[in-house]
C-alpha atoms as a PDB file:
ATOM      1  CA  UNK A   1    -261.244 260.020-154.813  1.00  0.00           C
ATOM      2  CA  UNK A   2    -261.305 259.370-151.064  1.00  0.00           C
ATOM      3  CA  UNK A   3    -263.967 256.853-151.641  1.00  0.00           C
ATOM      4  CA  UNK A   4    -262.108 254.886-154.520  1.00  0.00           C
ATOM      5  CA  UNK A   5    -259.142 254.492-152.256  1.00  0.00           C
ATOM      6  CA  UNK A   6    -261.318 253.642-149.491  1.00  0.00           C
ATOM      7  CA  UNK A   7    -263.172 250.882-151.725  1.00  0.00           C
ATOM      8  CA  UNK A   8    -259.560 249.496-153.112  1.00  0.00           C
ATOM      9  CA  UNK A   9    -258.406 249.161-149.395  1.00  0.00           C
ATOM     10  CA  UNK A  10    -261.543 247.076-148.309  1.00  0.00           C
ATOM     11  CA  UNK A  11    -261.171 245.118-151.394  1.00  0.00           C
ATOM     12  CA  UNK A  12    -257.437 244.088-150.578  1.00  0.00           C
ATOM     13  CA  UNK A  13    -258.230 243.460-147.071  1.00  0.00           C
ATOM     14  CA  UNK A  14    -261.178 241.037-148.088  1.00  0.00           C
ATOM     15  CA  UNK A  15    -258.741 239.092-150.490  1.00  0.00           C
ATOM     16  CA  UNK A  16    -256.428 238.899-147.569  1.00  0.00           C
ATOM     17  CA  UNK A  17    -258.701 237.471-145.531  1.00  0.00           C
ATOM     18  CA  UNK A  18    -259.626 234.781-148.222  1.00  0.00           C
ATOM     19  CA  UNK A  19    -256.182 233.491-148.722  1.00  0.00           C
ATOM     20  CA  UNK A  20    -255.441 233.235-145.120  1.00  0.00           C
ATOM     21  CA  UNK A  21    -258.801 231.282-144.524  1.00  0.00           C
ATOM     22  CA  UNK A  22    -257.507 229.150-147.657  1.00  0.00           C
ATOM     23  CA  UNK A  23    -253.877 228.612-145.774  1.00  0.00           C
ATOM     24  CA  UNK A  24    -255.599 227.577-142.899  1.00  0.00           C
ATOM     25  CA  UNK A  25    -257.919 224.988-144.315  1.00  0.00           C
ATOM     26  CA  UNK A  26    -255.206 223.251-146.750  1.00  0.00           C
ATOM     27  CA  UNK A  27    -253.483 220.307-144.692  1.00  0.00           C
ATOM     28  CA  UNK A  28    -249.532 220.672-144.340  1.00  0.00           C
ATOM     29  CA  UNK A  29    -247.215 218.928-146.609  1.00  0.00           C
ATOM     30  CA  UNK A  30    -246.192 215.611-145.093  1.00  0.00           C
ATOM     31  CA  UNK A  31    -242.630 215.179-144.490  1.00  0.00           C
ATOM     32  CA  UNK A  32    -240.592 213.314-147.243  1.00  0.00           C
ATOM     33  CA  UNK A  33    -240.244 209.399-145.914  1.00  0.00           C
ATOM     34  CA  UNK A  34    -237.030 208.654-144.788  1.00  0.00           C
ATOM     35  CA  UNK A  35    -235.096 206.158-147.135  1.00  0.00           C
ATOM     36  CA  UNK A  36    -234.425 202.852-145.588  1.00  0.00           C
ATOM     37  CA  UNK A  37    -231.074 201.335-146.283  1.00  0.00           C
ATOM     38  CA  UNK A  38    -231.448 197.473-146.848  1.00  0.00           C
ATOM     39  CA  UNK A  39    -229.445 195.582-144.493  1.00  0.00           C
ATOM     40  CA  UNK A  40    -226.550 193.961-146.109  1.00  0.00           C
ATOM     41  CA  UNK A  41    -226.702 190.155-146.448  1.00  0.00           C
ATOM     42  CA  UNK A  42    -224.005 188.006-144.798  1.00  0.00           C
ATOM     43  CA  UNK A  43    -220.866 187.751-146.554  1.00  0.00           C
ATOM     44  CA  UNK A  44    -220.606 184.081-148.225  1.00  0.00           C
ATOM     45  CA  UNK A  45    -218.393 181.767-146.870  1.00  0.00           C
ATOM     46  CA  UNK A  46    -217.995 183.343-143.493  1.00  0.00           C
ATOM     47  CA  UNK A  47    -218.393 181.889-140.038  1.00  0.00           C
ATOM     48  CA  UNK A  48    -219.635 185.116-138.649  1.00  0.00           C
ATOM     49  CA  UNK A  49    -218.707 186.901-135.431  1.00  0.00           C
ATOM     50  CA  UNK A  50    -220.666 186.221-132.791  1.00  0.00           C
ATOM     51  CA  UNK A  51    -221.765 182.404-133.750  1.00  0.00           C
ATOM     52  CA  UNK A  52    -222.426 180.641-130.646  1.00  0.00           C
ATOM     53  CA  UNK A  53    -220.508 177.509-129.949  1.00  0.00           C
ATOM     54  CA  UNK A  54    -221.680 175.034-127.044  1.00  0.00           C
ATOM     55  CA  UNK A  55    -219.104 173.944-124.823  1.00  0.00           C
ATOM     56  CA  UNK A  56    -218.611 171.384-122.090  1.00  0.00           C
ATOM     57  CA  UNK A  57    -215.457 171.045-119.874  1.00  0.00           C
ATOM     58  CA  UNK A  58    -213.334 168.023-120.278  1.00  0.00           C
ATOM     59  CA  UNK A  59    -211.763 167.912-116.873  1.00  0.00           C
ATOM     60  CA  UNK A  60    -212.209 168.883-113.122  1.00  0.00           C
ATOM     61  CA  UNK A  61    -210.745 172.623-112.485  1.00  0.00           C
ATOM     62  CA  UNK A  62    -209.813 173.900-109.177  1.00  0.00           C
ATOM     63  CA  UNK A  63    -208.063 177.353-107.939  1.00  0.00           C
ATOM     64  CA  UNK A  64    -206.671 174.831-105.289  1.00  0.00           C
ATOM     65  CA  UNK A  65    -204.623 173.059-107.986  1.00  0.00           C
ATOM     66  CA  UNK A  66    -204.793 175.058-111.287  1.00  0.00           C
ATOM     67  CA  UNK A  67    -201.720 177.190-112.583  1.00  0.00           C
ATOM     68  CA  UNK A  68    -201.938 180.347-114.335  1.00  0.00           C
ATOM     69  CA  UNK A  69    -201.304 179.780-118.338  1.00  0.00           C
ATOM     70  CA  UNK A  70    -202.847 176.232-117.951  1.00  0.00           C
ATOM     71  CA  UNK A  71    -204.994 175.048-120.913  1.00  0.00           C
ATOM     72  CA  UNK A  72    -208.196 173.695-120.373  1.00  0.00           C
ATOM     73  CA  UNK A  73    -209.810 171.330-123.007  1.00  0.00           C
ATOM     74  CA  UNK A  74    -213.336 171.465-123.593  1.00  0.00           C
ATOM     75  CA  UNK A  75    -215.230 169.336-126.151  1.00  0.00           C
ATOM     76  CA  UNK A  76    -217.915 170.993-128.648  1.00  0.00           C
ATOM     77  CA  UNK A  77    -221.399 169.864-127.941  1.00  0.00           C
ATOM     78  CA  UNK A  78    -223.285 170.533-131.259  1.00  0.00           C
ATOM     79  CA  UNK A  79    -222.084 171.028-134.955  1.00  0.00           C
ATOM     80  CA  UNK A  80    -221.874 174.641-136.268  1.00  0.00           C
ATOM     81  CA  UNK A  81    -222.810 174.914-139.760  1.00  0.00           C
ATOM     82  CA  UNK A  82    -222.134 177.873-142.463  1.00  0.00           C
ATOM     83  CA  UNK A  83    -224.682 177.879-145.506  1.00  0.00           C
ATOM     84  CA  UNK A  84    -225.674 174.562-144.432  1.00  0.00           C
ATOM     85  CA  UNK A  85    -222.189 172.797-144.473  1.00  0.00           C
ATOM     86  CA  UNK A  86    -220.695 171.788-140.995  1.00  0.00           C
ATOM     87  CA  UNK A  87    -217.523 173.720-140.161  1.00  0.00           C
ATOM     88  CA  UNK A  88    -217.350 172.765-136.655  1.00  0.00           C
ATOM     89  CA  UNK A  89    -218.012 169.051-135.951  1.00  0.00           C
ATOM     90  CA  UNK A  90    -219.443 167.690-132.870  1.00  0.00           C
ATOM     91  CA  UNK A  91    -216.779 166.256-130.444  1.00  0.00           C
ATOM     92  CA  UNK A  92    -214.449 169.037-131.790  1.00  0.00           C
ATOM     93  CA  UNK A  93    -211.855 170.303-128.826  1.00  0.00           C
ATOM     94  CA  UNK A  94    -211.846 173.803-127.901  1.00  0.00           C
ATOM     95  CA  UNK A  95    -209.091 175.296-125.561  1.00  0.00           C
ATOM     96  CA  UNK A  96    -209.028 178.064-122.513  1.00  0.00           C
ATOM     97  CA  UNK A  97    -206.214 179.376-120.669  1.00  0.00           C
ATOM     98  CA  UNK A  98    -206.472 179.719-116.810  1.00  0.00           C
ATOM     99  CA  UNK A  99    -205.320 183.549-116.596  1.00  0.00           C
ATOM    100  CA  UNK A 100    -205.704 183.629-112.606  1.00  0.00           C
ATOM    101  CA  UNK A 101    -205.321 180.933-110.176  1.00  0.00           C
ATOM    102  CA  UNK A 102    -204.733 181.180-106.330  1.00  0.00           C
ATOM    103  CA  UNK A 103    -205.895 178.788-103.586  1.00  0.00           C
ATOM    104  CA  UNK A 104    -207.781 179.679-100.591  1.00  0.00           C
ATOM    105  CA  UNK A 105    -205.715 181.869 -97.927  1.00  0.00           C
ATOM    106  CA  UNK A 106    -206.060 182.212 -94.258  1.00  0.00           C
ATOM    107  CA  UNK A 107    -208.640 184.413 -92.264  1.00  0.00           C
ATOM    108  CA  UNK A 108    -211.462 182.735 -94.601  1.00  0.00           C
ATOM    109  CA  UNK A 109    -210.022 184.612 -98.017  1.00  0.00           C
ATOM    110  CA  UNK A 110    -211.475 182.646-100.793  1.00  0.00           C
ATOM    111  CA  UNK A 111    -209.628 181.446-104.187  1.00  0.00           C
ATOM    112  CA  UNK A 112    -209.745 182.978-107.498  1.00  0.00           C
ATOM    113  CA  UNK A 113    -210.122 181.400-110.546  1.00  0.00           C
ATOM    114  CA  UNK A 114    -210.337 183.060-114.061  1.00  0.00           C
ATOM    115  CA  UNK A 115    -210.197 181.490-117.236  1.00  0.00           C
ATOM    116  CA  UNK A 116    -210.386 182.681-120.774  1.00  0.00           C
ATOM    117  CA  UNK A 117    -211.637 180.844-123.660  1.00  0.00           C
ATOM    118  CA  UNK A 118    -209.216 180.991-126.667  1.00  0.00           C
ATOM    119  CA  UNK A 119    -210.062 178.855-129.907  1.00  0.00           C
ATOM    120  CA  UNK A 120    -211.980 176.026-131.276  1.00  0.00           C
ATOM    121  CA  UNK A 121    -210.707 173.479-133.912  1.00  0.00           C
ATOM    122  CA  UNK A 122    -212.440 173.771-137.308  1.00  0.00           C
ATOM    123  CA  UNK A 123    -213.266 170.690-139.521  1.00  0.00           C
ATOM    124  CA  UNK A 124    -210.115 171.844-141.547  1.00  0.00           C
ATOM    125  CA  UNK A 125    -207.893 172.048-138.756  1.00  0.00           C
ATOM    126  CA  UNK A 126    -207.818 175.570-138.687  1.00  0.00           C
ATOM    127  CA  UNK A 127    -208.674 177.474-135.255  1.00  0.00           C
ATOM    128  CA  UNK A 128    -211.426 180.058-134.800  1.00  0.00           C
ATOM    129  CA  UNK A 129    -210.819 182.580-131.752  1.00  0.00           C
ATOM    130  CA  UNK A 130    -213.400 182.550-129.431  1.00  0.00           C
ATOM    131  CA  UNK A 131    -214.725 184.701-126.602  1.00  0.00           C
ATOM    132  CA  UNK A 132    -216.643 184.353-123.582  1.00  0.00           C
ATOM    133  CA  UNK A 133    -219.051 187.207-124.458  1.00  0.00           C
ATOM    134  CA  UNK A 134    -221.123 187.615-127.810  1.00  0.00           C
ATOM    135  CA  UNK A 135    -219.719 190.376-130.217  1.00  0.00           C
ATOM    136  CA  UNK A 136    -216.610 191.397-128.221  1.00  0.00           C
ATOM    137  CA  UNK A 137    -214.929 193.880-129.875  1.00  0.00           C
ATOM    138  CA  UNK A 138    -211.281 193.498-130.981  1.00  0.00           C
ATOM    139  CA  UNK A 139    -211.532 189.688-131.620  1.00  0.00           C
ATOM    140  CA  UNK A 140    -209.579 188.779-128.572  1.00  0.00           C
ATOM    141  CA  UNK A 141    -209.952 186.349-125.826  1.00  0.00           C
ATOM    142  CA  UNK A 142    -211.717 188.908-123.684  1.00  0.00           C
ATOM    143  CA  UNK A 143    -214.021 188.196-120.794  1.00  0.00           C
ATOM    144  CA  UNK A 144    -212.465 186.183-117.944  1.00  0.00           C
ATOM    145  CA  UNK A 145    -215.038 183.795-116.769  1.00  0.00           C
ATOM    146  CA  UNK A 146    -216.156 184.208-113.073  1.00  0.00           C
ATOM    147  CA  UNK A 147    -218.930 183.741-111.114  1.00  0.00           C
ATOM    148  CA  UNK A 148    -219.871 182.874-107.522  1.00  0.00           C
ATOM    149  CA  UNK A 149    -222.715 180.902-105.645  1.00  0.00           C
ATOM    150  CA  UNK A 150    -224.833 183.375-102.873  1.00  0.00           C
ATOM    151  CA  UNK A 151    -227.013 180.993-100.877  1.00  0.00           C
ATOM    152  CA  UNK A 152    -228.371 178.627-103.375  1.00  0.00           C
ATOM    153  CA  UNK A 153    -228.627 181.566-106.384  1.00  0.00           C
ATOM    154  CA  UNK A 154    -225.889 180.953-109.152  1.00  0.00           C
ATOM    155  CA  UNK A 155    -224.906 184.657-109.770  1.00  0.00           C
ATOM    156  CA  UNK A 156    -223.851 185.496-113.430  1.00  0.00           C
ATOM    157  CA  UNK A 157    -221.839 188.474-114.506  1.00  0.00           C
ATOM    158  CA  UNK A 158    -222.257 190.017-117.952  1.00  0.00           C
ATOM    159  CA  UNK A 159    -218.709 188.733-119.078  1.00  0.00           C
ATOM    160  CA  UNK A 160    -219.134 185.509-117.322  1.00  0.00           C
ATOM    161  CA  UNK A 161    -221.272 182.965-118.599  1.00  0.00           C
ATOM    162  CA  UNK A 162    -219.353 180.065-116.886  1.00  0.00           C
ATOM    163  CA  UNK A 163    -220.670 178.995-113.798  1.00  0.00           C
ATOM    164  CA  UNK A 164    -217.846 178.587-110.868  1.00  0.00           C
ATOM    165  CA  UNK A 165    -218.706 177.120-107.749  1.00  0.00           C
ATOM    166  CA  UNK A 166    -217.714 177.859-104.440  1.00  0.00           C
ATOM    167  CA  UNK A 167    -216.567 174.752-101.883  1.00  0.00           C
ATOM    168  CA  UNK A 168    -214.701 175.430 -98.868  1.00  0.00           C
ATOM    169  CA  UNK A 169    -213.508 178.505-100.138  1.00  0.00           C
ATOM    170  CA  UNK A 170    -211.809 177.118-103.125  1.00  0.00           C
ATOM    171  CA  UNK A 171    -213.428 177.840-106.601  1.00  0.00           C
ATOM    172  CA  UNK A 172    -213.829 174.522-108.387  1.00  0.00           C
ATOM    173  CA  UNK A 173    -215.688 173.873-111.876  1.00  0.00           C
ATOM    174  CA  UNK A 174    -216.753 170.278-112.324  1.00  0.00           C
ATOM    175  CA  UNK A 175    -215.807 168.132-115.238  1.00  0.00           C
ATOM    176  CA  UNK A 176    -219.053 168.286-117.629  1.00  0.00           C
ATOM    177  CA  UNK A 177    -219.840 171.800-117.005  1.00  0.00           C
ATOM    178  CA  UNK A 178    -221.506 173.582-120.110  1.00  0.00           C
ATOM    179  CA  UNK A 179    -220.961 177.031-121.281  1.00  0.00           C
ATOM    180  CA  UNK A 180    -221.508 179.057-124.428  1.00  0.00           C
ATOM    181  CA  UNK A 181    -218.532 180.852-126.249  1.00  0.00           C
ATOM    182  CA  UNK A 182    -218.765 182.772-129.026  1.00  0.00           C
ATOM    183  CA  UNK A 183    -216.814 183.447-132.310  1.00  0.00           C
ATOM    184  CA  UNK A 184    -214.697 186.477-131.965  1.00  0.00           C
ATOM    185  CA  UNK A 185    -214.917 188.337-135.435  1.00  0.00           C
ATOM    186  CA  UNK A 186    -215.586 187.216-138.907  1.00  0.00           C
ATOM    187  CA  UNK A 187    -213.439 184.438-140.400  1.00  0.00           C
ATOM    188  CA  UNK A 188    -213.529 183.870-144.177  1.00  0.00           C
ATOM    189  CA  UNK A 189    -213.901 180.204-144.886  1.00  0.00           C
ATOM    190  CA  UNK A 190    -212.333 178.046-148.022  1.00  0.00           C
ATOM    191  CA  UNK A 191    -215.719 176.145-148.330  1.00  0.00           C
ATOM    192  CA  UNK A 192    -214.234 173.446-150.610  1.00  0.00           C
ATOM    193  CA  UNK A 193    -211.890 172.389-147.576  1.00  0.00           C
ATOM    194  CA  UNK A 194    -215.653 171.565-146.065  1.00  0.00           C
ATOM    195  CA  UNK A 195    -217.010 169.135-148.617  1.00  0.00           C
ATOM    196  CA  UNK A 196    -216.991 165.128-147.862  1.00  0.00           C
ATOM    197  CA  UNK A 197    -214.495 164.564-150.666  1.00  0.00           C
ATOM    198  CA  UNK A 198    -212.059 167.165-149.111  1.00  0.00           C
ATOM    199  CA  UNK A 199    -212.614 165.797-145.638  1.00  0.00           C
ATOM    200  CA  UNK A 200    -211.825 162.306-147.133  1.00  0.00           C
ATOM    201  CA  UNK A 201    -208.831 163.398-148.937  1.00  0.00           C
ATOM    202  CA  UNK A 202    -207.435 165.829-145.807  1.00  0.00           C
ATOM    203  CA  UNK A 203    -204.208 164.511-144.435  1.00  0.00           C
ATOM    204  CA  UNK A 204    -204.429 163.578-140.496  1.00  0.00           C
ATOM    205  CA  UNK A 205    -204.351 166.431-138.107  1.00  0.00           C
ATOM    206  CA  UNK A 206    -201.074 167.113-136.356  1.00  0.00           C
ATOM    207  CA  UNK A 207    -200.397 165.326-133.057  1.00  0.00           C
ATOM    208  CA  UNK A 208    -201.223 167.039-129.937  1.00  0.00           C
ATOM    209  CA  UNK A 209    -198.449 168.091-127.483  1.00  0.00           C
ATOM    210  CA  UNK A 210    -199.745 166.813-124.054  1.00  0.00           C
ATOM    211  CA  UNK A 211    -197.720 167.865-121.179  1.00  0.00           C
ATOM    212  CA  UNK A 212    -199.003 165.862-117.930  1.00  0.00           C
ATOM    213  CA  UNK A 213    -197.440 166.778-114.305  1.00  0.00           C
ATOM    214  CA  UNK A 214    -198.562 165.749-111.030  1.00  0.00           C
ATOM    215  CA  UNK A 215    -198.525 166.656-107.618  1.00  0.00           C
ATOM    216  CA  UNK A 216    -196.046 164.184-106.509  1.00  0.00           C
ATOM    217  CA  UNK A 217    -192.907 163.336-108.540  1.00  0.00           C
ATOM    218  CA  UNK A 218    -192.306 160.444-110.663  1.00  0.00           C
ATOM    219  CA  UNK A 219    -195.987 159.251-111.201  1.00  0.00           C
ATOM    220  CA  UNK A 220    -196.642 156.553-113.895  1.00  0.00           C
ATOM    221  CA  UNK A 221    -198.500 157.763-116.886  1.00  0.00           C
ATOM    222  CA  UNK A 222    -200.785 155.272-119.062  1.00  0.00           C
ATOM    223  CA  UNK A 223    -202.656 156.503-122.167  1.00  0.00           C
ATOM    224  CA  UNK A 224    -205.434 154.385-123.470  1.00  0.00           C
ATOM    225  CA  UNK A 225    -204.461 151.515-121.017  1.00  0.00           C
ATOM    226  CA  UNK A 226    -200.562 151.657-122.191  1.00  0.00           C
ATOM    227  CA  UNK A 227    -197.391 153.105-119.919  1.00  0.00           C
ATOM    228  CA  UNK A 228    -196.125 156.011-121.411  1.00  0.00           C
ATOM    229  CA  UNK A 229    -193.695 157.260-119.024  1.00  0.00           C
ATOM    230  CA  UNK A 230    -193.472 159.211-116.039  1.00  0.00           C
ATOM    231  CA  UNK A 231    -194.160 162.630-114.546  1.00  0.00           C
ATOM    232  CA  UNK A 232    -193.460 165.202-115.682  1.00  0.00           C
ATOM    233  CA  UNK A 233    -193.721 164.334-119.578  1.00  0.00           C
ATOM    234  CA  UNK A 234    -194.730 165.985-122.881  1.00  0.00           C
ATOM    235  CA  UNK A 235    -196.604 163.362-125.270  1.00  0.00           C
ATOM    236  CA  UNK A 236    -197.331 163.278-128.811  1.00  0.00           C
ATOM    237  CA  UNK A 237    -201.267 162.134-129.208  1.00  0.00           C
ATOM    238  CA  UNK A 238    -203.026 161.610-132.384  1.00  0.00           C
ATOM    239  CA  UNK A 239    -206.254 163.611-132.410  1.00  0.00           C
ATOM    240  CA  UNK A 240    -209.341 161.771-130.979  1.00  0.00           C
ATOM    241  CA  UNK A 241    -210.487 161.018-127.666  1.00  0.00           C
ATOM    242  CA  UNK A 242    -208.289 159.357-124.995  1.00  0.00           C
ATOM    243  CA  UNK A 243    -208.120 157.944-121.704  1.00  0.00           C
ATOM    244  CA  UNK A 244    -205.046 159.264-119.441  1.00  0.00           C
ATOM    245  CA  UNK A 245    -204.290 157.863-115.941  1.00  0.00           C
ATOM    246  CA  UNK A 246    -201.703 159.091-113.588  1.00  0.00           C
ATOM    247  CA  UNK A 247    -200.877 156.359-110.922  1.00  0.00           C
ATOM    248  CA  UNK A 248    -198.265 156.033-108.246  1.00  0.00           C
ATOM    249  CA  UNK A 249    -198.268 153.410-105.229  1.00  0.00           C
ATOM    250  CA  UNK A 250    -199.939 154.719-101.916  1.00  0.00           C
ATOM    251  CA  UNK A 251    -202.210 157.319-103.817  1.00  0.00           C
ATOM    252  CA  UNK A 252    -205.381 156.951-105.743  1.00  0.00           C
ATOM    253  CA  UNK A 253    -205.539 156.776-109.442  1.00  0.00           C
ATOM    254  CA  UNK A 254    -206.066 160.335-111.162  1.00  0.00           C
ATOM    255  CA  UNK A 255    -207.920 159.940-114.441  1.00  0.00           C
ATOM    256  CA  UNK A 256    -209.020 162.017-117.642  1.00  0.00           C
ATOM    257  CA  UNK A 257    -211.058 161.303-120.654  1.00  0.00           C
ATOM    258  CA  UNK A 258    -210.485 164.149-123.164  1.00  0.00           C
ATOM    259  CA  UNK A 259    -210.689 165.150-127.058  1.00  0.00           C
ATOM    260  CA  UNK A 260    -207.194 166.124-128.404  1.00  0.00           C
ATOM    261  CA  UNK A 261    -206.466 167.846-131.477  1.00  0.00           C
ATOM    262  CA  UNK A 262    -203.332 169.730-132.802  1.00  0.00           C
ATOM    263  CA  UNK A 263    -201.872 171.992-130.490  1.00  0.00           C
ATOM    264  CA  UNK A 264    -200.528 172.060-126.854  1.00  0.00           C
ATOM    265  CA  UNK A 265    -202.624 171.035-123.761  1.00  0.00           C
ATOM    266  CA  UNK A 266    -201.333 170.977-120.302  1.00  0.00           C
ATOM    267  CA  UNK A 267    -202.873 168.499-117.372  1.00  0.00           C
ATOM    268  CA  UNK A 268    -201.723 168.740-113.858  1.00  0.00           C
ATOM    269  CA  UNK A 269    -202.831 165.581-111.746  1.00  0.00           C
ATOM    270  CA  UNK A 270    -203.521 166.377-108.049  1.00  0.00           C
ATOM    271  CA  UNK A 271    -202.711 163.060-106.437  1.00  0.00           C
ATOM    272  CA  UNK A 272    -204.554 162.295-103.399  1.00  0.00           C
ATOM    273  CA  UNK A 273    -202.997 159.576-100.548  1.00  0.00           C
ATOM    274  CA  UNK A 274    -204.975 156.682 -99.936  1.00  0.00           C
END
């Protein structure tokens, strides 16, 4: 009886050893692959958030003469398409707003100049909100554009793609400065309004309200070579490119060439004595 029990124990032990060896020899089961969720295609007929819009400043801007709340006109440099259809044309008007403007102070303190990108005019005369930073949350006019020059190196801040130059401790942005802004938030479009036939049949855009002020009172204003009034004045100009000249005896002429569209724009002429 003892021999039988001992033999059974030996047999059970041997079978356990074989099973353990087979377990070690068999490969571990591979983990189940993680399902890949396909990326949703962009919504049709949508001007997407973060779309780049290349702009060029249409006038000189300086912390010495700018005023908070002043509108700053920009011109679109490259056409923007949606699904192969132009929705923002080259030469269209974009607007920014001066949020902070402080001239240089005593004791060598430099001036301040902050500008917020606001909007751009679409071909169907609607406005698309713009931001100075790509994919800015909230779809607002965030990202005050500020930068400085240290020695010969231009410093770029993450929320400030616009170049600002320091001259005599006042910050100035020369006319023609280029900057890239970004569409702030997806914008659903009615693509029928962007077809060539729709553009031909569309009514003319509303006249632009242009406020012209000057650092000297009672200056003459000329638009496209014609006298239109004295400063300060609010002018209603047809959309398009216009040559604006402010004149006064004893002072150098002040001039701007700018694209205007529907909406309000404010210009401030800094008159320099001869």
